[in-house]
Amino acid sequence: MRIKKNILQPFMGVLILAVLCFGAYFILSEFWVLFSSIDAKLGASLVAASATILVSVFTVVFSKRQEGKLEIDNQLREKKIPIYEKIIEFIFLITFADKLGKKQPSEKQMIQFFTDTTRDLVIWGSKEMVDAFGDFRDGVTNIPDGNNAEHIMATVEDLLLAVRKDLGHKHKNFKRGEILRLYINDIDDYFQ
């Protein structure tokens, strides 16, 4: 029974497509005959009126579609902002804990942070953000031999840039270290 359905589906698709093409040809040929038989001035007026109506309809449909897309983007942004704020707070906690007299996050707190954030990004994050967070997680948990500070800082900056991009900021002309410069004083020693 299943094999018969699989064989018939392409045939039915071609048949339906042929019927639709024939119907479109028939309708267009009837319109052509109708427009050919009327006065030229009246035909020009009908074409202009039809074009005006079609343009208006397409404009309304396009604007409604854009409004719907914009509304979805705004709703997604509202969900993303608290997640991204939590990520940035965690980065700043790791970076400034000693200077602010706070404790570095424990292993349990780090696991909890990565678990919660991964769950939230699976639901709400863009592909670029998921990739950047994965790279950040790998960079923080698998620090290369020699404690490569440039690599870790570049990974953090890539994550921060991904957050900004996902929220709609443009940053085509950003150079390596420009975001990190906001809170790392000697960034020029690491990135020329």
C-alpha atoms as a PDB file:
ATOM      1  CA  MET A   1       0.000   0.000   0.000  1.00  0.00           C
ATOM      2  CA  ARG A   2       2.824   2.407   0.915  1.00  0.00           C
ATOM      3  CA  ILE A   3       4.670   1.660  -2.331  1.00  0.00           C
ATOM      4  CA  LYS A   4       1.604   2.551  -4.407  1.00  0.00           C
ATOM      5  CA  LYS A   5       1.308   5.927  -2.648  1.00  0.00           C
ATOM      6  CA  ASN A   6       4.984   6.691  -3.305  1.00  0.00           C
ATOM      7  CA  ILE A   7       4.591   5.857  -7.023  1.00  0.00           C
ATOM      8  CA  LEU A   8       1.368   7.834  -7.398  1.00  0.00           C
ATOM      9  CA  GLN A   9       2.572  10.991  -5.647  1.00  0.00           C
ATOM     10  CA  PRO A  10       4.928  12.211  -8.419  1.00  0.00           C
ATOM     11  CA  PHE A  11       2.342  11.376 -11.065  1.00  0.00           C
ATOM     12  CA  MET A  12      -0.377  13.284  -9.179  1.00  0.00           C
ATOM     13  CA  GLY A  13       1.986  16.227  -8.698  1.00  0.00           C
ATOM     14  CA  VAL A  14       2.705  16.411 -12.433  1.00  0.00           C
ATOM     15  CA  LEU A  15      -1.009  16.041 -13.228  1.00  0.00           C
ATOM     16  CA  ILE A  16      -1.980  18.853 -10.829  1.00  0.00           C
ATOM     17  CA  LEU A  17       0.796  21.077 -12.216  1.00  0.00           C
ATOM     18  CA  ALA A  18      -0.401  20.406 -15.783  1.00  0.00           C
ATOM     19  CA  VAL A  19      -4.010  21.247 -14.848  1.00  0.00           C
ATOM     20  CA  LEU A  20      -2.900  24.486 -13.158  1.00  0.00           C
ATOM     21  CA  CYS A  21      -0.782  25.480 -16.183  1.00  0.00           C
ATOM     22  CA  PHE A  22      -3.633  24.747 -18.573  1.00  0.00           C
ATOM     23  CA  GLY A  23      -6.063  26.711 -16.361  1.00  0.00           C
ATOM     24  CA  ALA A  24      -3.694  29.695 -16.237  1.00  0.00           C
ATOM     25  CA  TYR A  25      -3.238  29.559 -20.012  1.00  0.00           C
ATOM     26  CA  PHE A  26      -6.996  29.373 -20.549  1.00  0.00           C
ATOM     27  CA  ILE A  27      -7.711  32.325 -18.231  1.00  0.00           C
ATOM     28  CA  LEU A  28      -4.954  34.470 -19.772  1.00  0.00           C
ATOM     29  CA  SER A  29      -6.113  33.687 -23.310  1.00  0.00           C
ATOM     30  CA  GLU A  30      -9.706  34.626 -22.405  1.00  0.00           C
ATOM     31  CA  PHE A  31      -8.493  37.922 -20.924  1.00  0.00           C
ATOM     32  CA  TRP A  32      -6.463  38.558 -24.069  1.00  0.00           C
ATOM     33  CA  VAL A  33      -9.508  37.983 -26.269  1.00  0.00           C
ATOM     34  CA  LEU A  34     -11.598  40.226 -24.035  1.00  0.00           C
ATOM     35  CA  PHE A  35      -9.021  43.067 -24.032  1.00  0.00           C
ATOM     36  CA  SER A  36      -8.452  42.724 -27.800  1.00  0.00           C
ATOM     37  CA  SER A  37     -12.135  43.244 -28.545  1.00  0.00           C
ATOM     38  CA  ILE A  38     -12.638  46.464 -26.556  1.00  0.00           C
ATOM     39  CA  ASP A  39     -11.843  50.068 -27.486  1.00  0.00           C
ATOM     40  CA  ALA A  40      -8.154  51.025 -27.099  1.00  0.00           C
ATOM     41  CA  LYS A  41      -8.894  53.957 -24.756  1.00  0.00           C
ATOM     42  CA  LEU A  42     -11.091  51.805 -22.546  1.00  0.00           C
ATOM     43  CA  GLY A  43      -8.474  49.037 -22.576  1.00  0.00           C
ATOM     44  CA  ALA A  44      -5.754  51.469 -21.522  1.00  0.00           C
ATOM     45  CA  SER A  45      -7.964  52.730 -18.707  1.00  0.00           C
ATOM     46  CA  LEU A  46      -8.695  49.164 -17.558  1.00  0.00           C
ATOM     47  CA  VAL A  47      -5.007  48.250 -17.622  1.00  0.00           C
ATOM     48  CA  ALA A  48      -4.096  51.385 -15.620  1.00  0.00           C
ATOM     49  CA  ALA A  49      -6.871  50.722 -13.086  1.00  0.00           C
ATOM     50  CA  SER A  50      -5.859  47.065 -12.783  1.00  0.00           C
ATOM     51  CA  ALA A  51      -2.211  48.010 -12.306  1.00  0.00           C
ATOM     52  CA  THR A  52      -3.164  50.514  -9.606  1.00  0.00           C
ATOM     53  CA  ILE A  53      -5.232  47.928  -7.776  1.00  0.00           C
ATOM     54  CA  LEU A  54      -2.537  45.247  -8.047  1.00  0.00           C
ATOM     55  CA  VAL A  55       0.183  47.605  -6.830  1.00  0.00           C
ATOM     56  CA  SER A  56      -2.004  48.639  -3.884  1.00  0.00           C
ATOM     57  CA  VAL A  57      -2.755  45.025  -2.963  1.00  0.00           C
ATOM     58  CA  PHE A  58       0.897  43.994  -3.227  1.00  0.00           C
ATOM     59  CA  THR A  59       1.961  47.016  -1.163  1.00  0.00           C
ATOM     60  CA  VAL A  60      -0.509  46.184   1.604  1.00  0.00           C
ATOM     61  CA  VAL A  61       0.462  42.501   1.620  1.00  0.00           C
ATOM     62  CA  PHE A  62       4.172  43.351   1.665  1.00  0.00           C
ATOM     63  CA  SER A  63       3.813  45.912   4.469  1.00  0.00           C
ATOM     64  CA  LYS A  64       1.724  43.509   6.572  1.00  0.00           C
ATOM     65  CA  ARG A  65       4.327  40.812   6.090  1.00  0.00           C
ATOM     66  CA  GLN A  66       7.104  43.220   7.100  1.00  0.00           C
ATOM     67  CA  GLU A  67       5.090  44.309  10.174  1.00  0.00           C
ATOM     68  CA  GLY A  68       4.639  40.681  11.184  1.00  0.00           C
ATOM     69  CA  LYS A  69       8.353  39.987  10.755  1.00  0.00           C
ATOM     70  CA  LEU A  70       9.259  43.094  12.746  1.00  0.00           C
ATOM     71  CA  GLU A  71       6.872  42.095  15.543  1.00  0.00           C
ATOM     72  CA  ILE A  72       8.411  38.610  15.720  1.00  0.00           C
ATOM     73  CA  ASP A  73      11.928  40.121  15.782  1.00  0.00           C
ATOM     74  CA  ASN A  74      10.907  42.464  18.621  1.00  0.00           C
ATOM     75  CA  GLN A  75       9.396  39.613  20.633  1.00  0.00           C
ATOM     76  CA  LEU A  76      12.537  37.522  20.146  1.00  0.00           C
ATOM     77  CA  ARG A  77      14.716  40.478  21.167  1.00  0.00           C
ATOM     78  CA  GLU A  78      12.733  40.832  24.406  1.00  0.00           C
ATOM     79  CA  LYS A  79      13.491  37.192  25.232  1.00  0.00           C
ATOM     80  CA  LYS A  80      17.173  37.465  24.274  1.00  0.00           C
ATOM     81  CA  ILE A  81      18.093  40.585  26.243  1.00  0.00           C
ATOM     82  CA  PRO A  82      17.877  39.014  29.741  1.00  0.00           C
ATOM     83  CA  ILE A  83      19.914  36.014  28.556  1.00  0.00           C
ATOM     84  CA  TYR A  84      22.601  38.231  27.059  1.00  0.00           C
ATOM     85  CA  GLU A  85      22.693  40.437  30.150  1.00  0.00           C
ATOM     86  CA  LYS A  86      23.252  37.304  32.246  1.00  0.00           C
ATOM     87  CA  ILE A  87      26.125  36.241  29.961  1.00  0.00           C
ATOM     88  CA  ILE A  88      27.795  39.649  30.178  1.00  0.00           C
ATOM     89  CA  GLU A  89      27.341  39.776  33.973  1.00  0.00           C
ATOM     90  CA  PHE A  90      29.055  36.382  34.219  1.00  0.00           C
ATOM     91  CA  ILE A  91      31.966  37.518  32.032  1.00  0.00           C
ATOM     92  CA  PHE A  92      32.383  40.638  34.149  1.00  0.00           C
ATOM     93  CA  LEU A  93      32.166  38.590  37.355  1.00  0.00           C
ATOM     94  CA  ILE A  94      35.000  36.363  36.169  1.00  0.00           C
ATOM     95  CA  THR A  95      37.004  39.377  35.001  1.00  0.00           C
ATOM     96  CA  PHE A  96      36.512  41.715  37.976  1.00  0.00           C
ATOM     97  CA  ALA A  97      35.789  39.431  40.941  1.00  0.00           C
ATOM     98  CA  ASP A  98      39.220  39.902  42.528  1.00  0.00           C
ATOM     99  CA  LYS A  99      39.248  43.682  42.016  1.00  0.00           C
ATOM    100  CA  LEU A 100      35.757  44.029  43.483  1.00  0.00           C
ATOM    101  CA  GLY A 101      36.495  41.792  46.449  1.00  0.00           C
ATOM    102  CA  LYS A 102      34.152  39.051  45.251  1.00  0.00           C
ATOM    103  CA  LYS A 103      34.801  35.343  44.963  1.00  0.00           C
ATOM    104  CA  GLN A 104      35.432  33.765  41.588  1.00  0.00           C
ATOM    105  CA  PRO A 105      32.516  31.505  40.600  1.00  0.00           C
ATOM    106  CA  SER A 106      32.845  27.972  41.885  1.00  0.00           C
ATOM    107  CA  GLU A 107      32.864  25.008  39.550  1.00  0.00           C
ATOM    108  CA  LYS A 108      29.248  24.284  40.520  1.00  0.00           C
ATOM    109  CA  GLN A 109      28.227  27.887  39.724  1.00  0.00           C
ATOM    110  CA  MET A 110      30.005  27.712  36.370  1.00  0.00           C
ATOM    111  CA  ILE A 111      28.277  24.440  35.493  1.00  0.00           C
ATOM    112  CA  GLN A 112      24.933  25.948  36.492  1.00  0.00           C
ATOM    113  CA  PHE A 113      25.612  29.061  34.390  1.00  0.00           C
ATOM    114  CA  PHE A 114      26.600  27.067  31.309  1.00  0.00           C
ATOM    115  CA  THR A 115      23.643  24.695  31.714  1.00  0.00           C
ATOM    116  CA  ASP A 116      21.072  27.484  32.075  1.00  0.00           C
ATOM    117  CA  THR A 117      22.563  29.606  29.314  1.00  0.00           C
ATOM    118  CA  THR A 118      22.842  26.680  26.906  1.00  0.00           C
ATOM    119  CA  ARG A 119      19.174  25.845  27.503  1.00  0.00           C
ATOM    120  CA  ASP A 120      18.137  29.445  26.879  1.00  0.00           C
ATOM    121  CA  LEU A 121      20.284  29.813  23.759  1.00  0.00           C
ATOM    122  CA  VAL A 122      18.926  26.596  22.272  1.00  0.00           C
ATOM    123  CA  ILE A 123      15.476  28.180  22.452  1.00  0.00           C
ATOM    124  CA  TRP A 124      16.175  31.851  21.735  1.00  0.00           C
ATOM    125  CA  GLY A 125      19.693  32.308  20.342  1.00  0.00           C
ATOM    126  CA  SER A 126      20.606  32.847  16.714  1.00  0.00           C
ATOM    127  CA  LYS A 127      23.034  30.446  15.035  1.00  0.00           C
ATOM    128  CA  GLU A 128      25.860  32.977  15.291  1.00  0.00           C
ATOM    129  CA  MET A 129      25.178  33.422  18.997  1.00  0.00           C
ATOM    130  CA  VAL A 130      25.032  29.668  19.635  1.00  0.00           C
ATOM    131  CA  ASP A 131      28.346  29.248  17.786  1.00  0.00           C
ATOM    132  CA  ALA A 132      29.996  32.132  19.664  1.00  0.00           C
ATOM    133  CA  PHE A 133      28.792  30.820  23.029  1.00  0.00           C
ATOM    134  CA  GLY A 134      30.052  27.333  22.182  1.00  0.00           C
ATOM    135  CA  ASP A 135      33.462  28.790  21.303  1.00  0.00           C
ATOM    136  CA  PHE A 136      33.409  30.827  24.536  1.00  0.00           C
ATOM    137  CA  ARG A 137      32.554  27.755  26.603  1.00  0.00           C
ATOM    138  CA  ASP A 138      35.307  25.754  24.941  1.00  0.00           C
ATOM    139  CA  GLY A 139      37.771  28.605  25.413  1.00  0.00           C
ATOM    140  CA  VAL A 140      36.980  29.014  29.105  1.00  0.00           C
ATOM    141  CA  THR A 141      36.853  25.326  29.979  1.00  0.00           C
ATOM    142  CA  ASN A 142      39.777  24.189  27.795  1.00  0.00           C
ATOM    143  CA  ILE A 143      42.396  26.880  28.301  1.00  0.00           C
ATOM    144  CA  PRO A 144      45.347  26.051  26.041  1.00  0.00           C
ATOM    145  CA  ASP A 145      48.771  25.301  27.466  1.00  0.00           C
ATOM    146  CA  GLY A 146      50.671  28.415  28.417  1.00  0.00           C
ATOM    147  CA  ASN A 147      47.494  30.274  29.450  1.00  0.00           C
ATOM    148  CA  ASN A 148      47.121  31.976  26.053  1.00  0.00           C
ATOM    149  CA  ALA A 149      45.529  35.289  27.120  1.00  0.00           C
ATOM    150  CA  GLU A 150      45.106  36.554  23.549  1.00  0.00           C
ATOM    151  CA  HIS A 151      43.076  33.489  22.603  1.00  0.00           C
ATOM    152  CA  ILE A 152      40.800  33.787  25.637  1.00  0.00           C
ATOM    153  CA  MET A 153      40.284  37.532  25.141  1.00  0.00           C
ATOM    154  CA  ALA A 154      39.547  37.057  21.432  1.00  0.00           C
ATOM    155  CA  THR A 155      36.958  34.395  22.289  1.00  0.00           C
ATOM    156  CA  VAL A 156      35.314  36.691  24.838  1.00  0.00           C
ATOM    157  CA  GLU A 157      35.277  39.582  22.374  1.00  0.00           C
ATOM    158  CA  ASP A 158      33.778  37.368  19.659  1.00  0.00           C
ATOM    159  CA  LEU A 159      30.987  36.452  22.084  1.00  0.00           C
ATOM    160  CA  LEU A 160      30.370  40.102  22.960  1.00  0.00           C
ATOM    161  CA  LEU A 161      30.276  41.040  19.269  1.00  0.00           C
ATOM    162  CA  ALA A 162      27.840  38.175  18.595  1.00  0.00           C
ATOM    163  CA  VAL A 163      25.577  39.513  21.359  1.00  0.00           C
ATOM    164  CA  ARG A 164      25.671  42.983  19.826  1.00  0.00           C
ATOM    165  CA  LYS A 165      25.032  41.653  16.325  1.00  0.00           C
ATOM    166  CA  ASP A 166      22.106  39.516  17.466  1.00  0.00           C
ATOM    167  CA  LEU A 167      20.543  42.568  19.083  1.00  0.00           C
ATOM    168  CA  GLY A 168      20.804  44.504  15.824  1.00  0.00           C
ATOM    169  CA  HIS A 169      24.037  46.479  16.178  1.00  0.00           C
ATOM    170  CA  LYS A 170      26.251  46.879  13.135  1.00  0.00           C
ATOM    171  CA  HIS A 171      29.983  46.470  13.615  1.00  0.00           C
ATOM    172  CA  LYS A 172      31.647  46.121  10.246  1.00  0.00           C
ATOM    173  CA  ASN A 173      34.620  48.309  11.149  1.00  0.00           C
ATOM    174  CA  PHE A 174      35.402  46.891  14.594  1.00  0.00           C
ATOM    175  CA  LYS A 175      39.015  45.945  15.100  1.00  0.00           C
ATOM    176  CA  ARG A 176      40.231  43.228  17.438  1.00  0.00           C
ATOM    177  CA  GLY A 177      40.326  44.629  20.964  1.00  0.00           C
ATOM    178  CA  GLU A 178      37.941  47.556  20.494  1.00  0.00           C
ATOM    179  CA  ILE A 179      35.255  46.137  22.793  1.00  0.00           C
ATOM    180  CA  LEU A 180      37.793  44.756  25.262  1.00  0.00           C
ATOM    181  CA  ARG A 181      39.404  48.204  25.450  1.00  0.00           C
ATOM    182  CA  LEU A 182      36.333  49.358  27.382  1.00  0.00           C
ATOM    183  CA  TYR A 183      37.409  47.360  30.423  1.00  0.00           C
ATOM    184  CA  ILE A 184      40.962  46.114  29.823  1.00  0.00           C
ATOM    185  CA  ASN A 185      43.524  48.890  30.211  1.00  0.00           C
ATOM    186  CA  ASP A 186      46.532  47.215  28.565  1.00  0.00           C
ATOM    187  CA  ILE A 187      44.691  45.704  25.597  1.00  0.00           C
ATOM    188  CA  ASP A 188      47.206  47.227  23.156  1.00  0.00           C
ATOM    189  CA  ASP A 189      49.872  44.970  24.653  1.00  0.00           C
ATOM    190  CA  TYR A 190      47.902  41.972  23.384  1.00  0.00           C
ATOM    191  CA  PHE A 191      46.420  43.199  20.097  1.00  0.00           C
ATOM    192  CA  GLN A 192      48.323  45.618  17.874  1.00  0.00           C
END
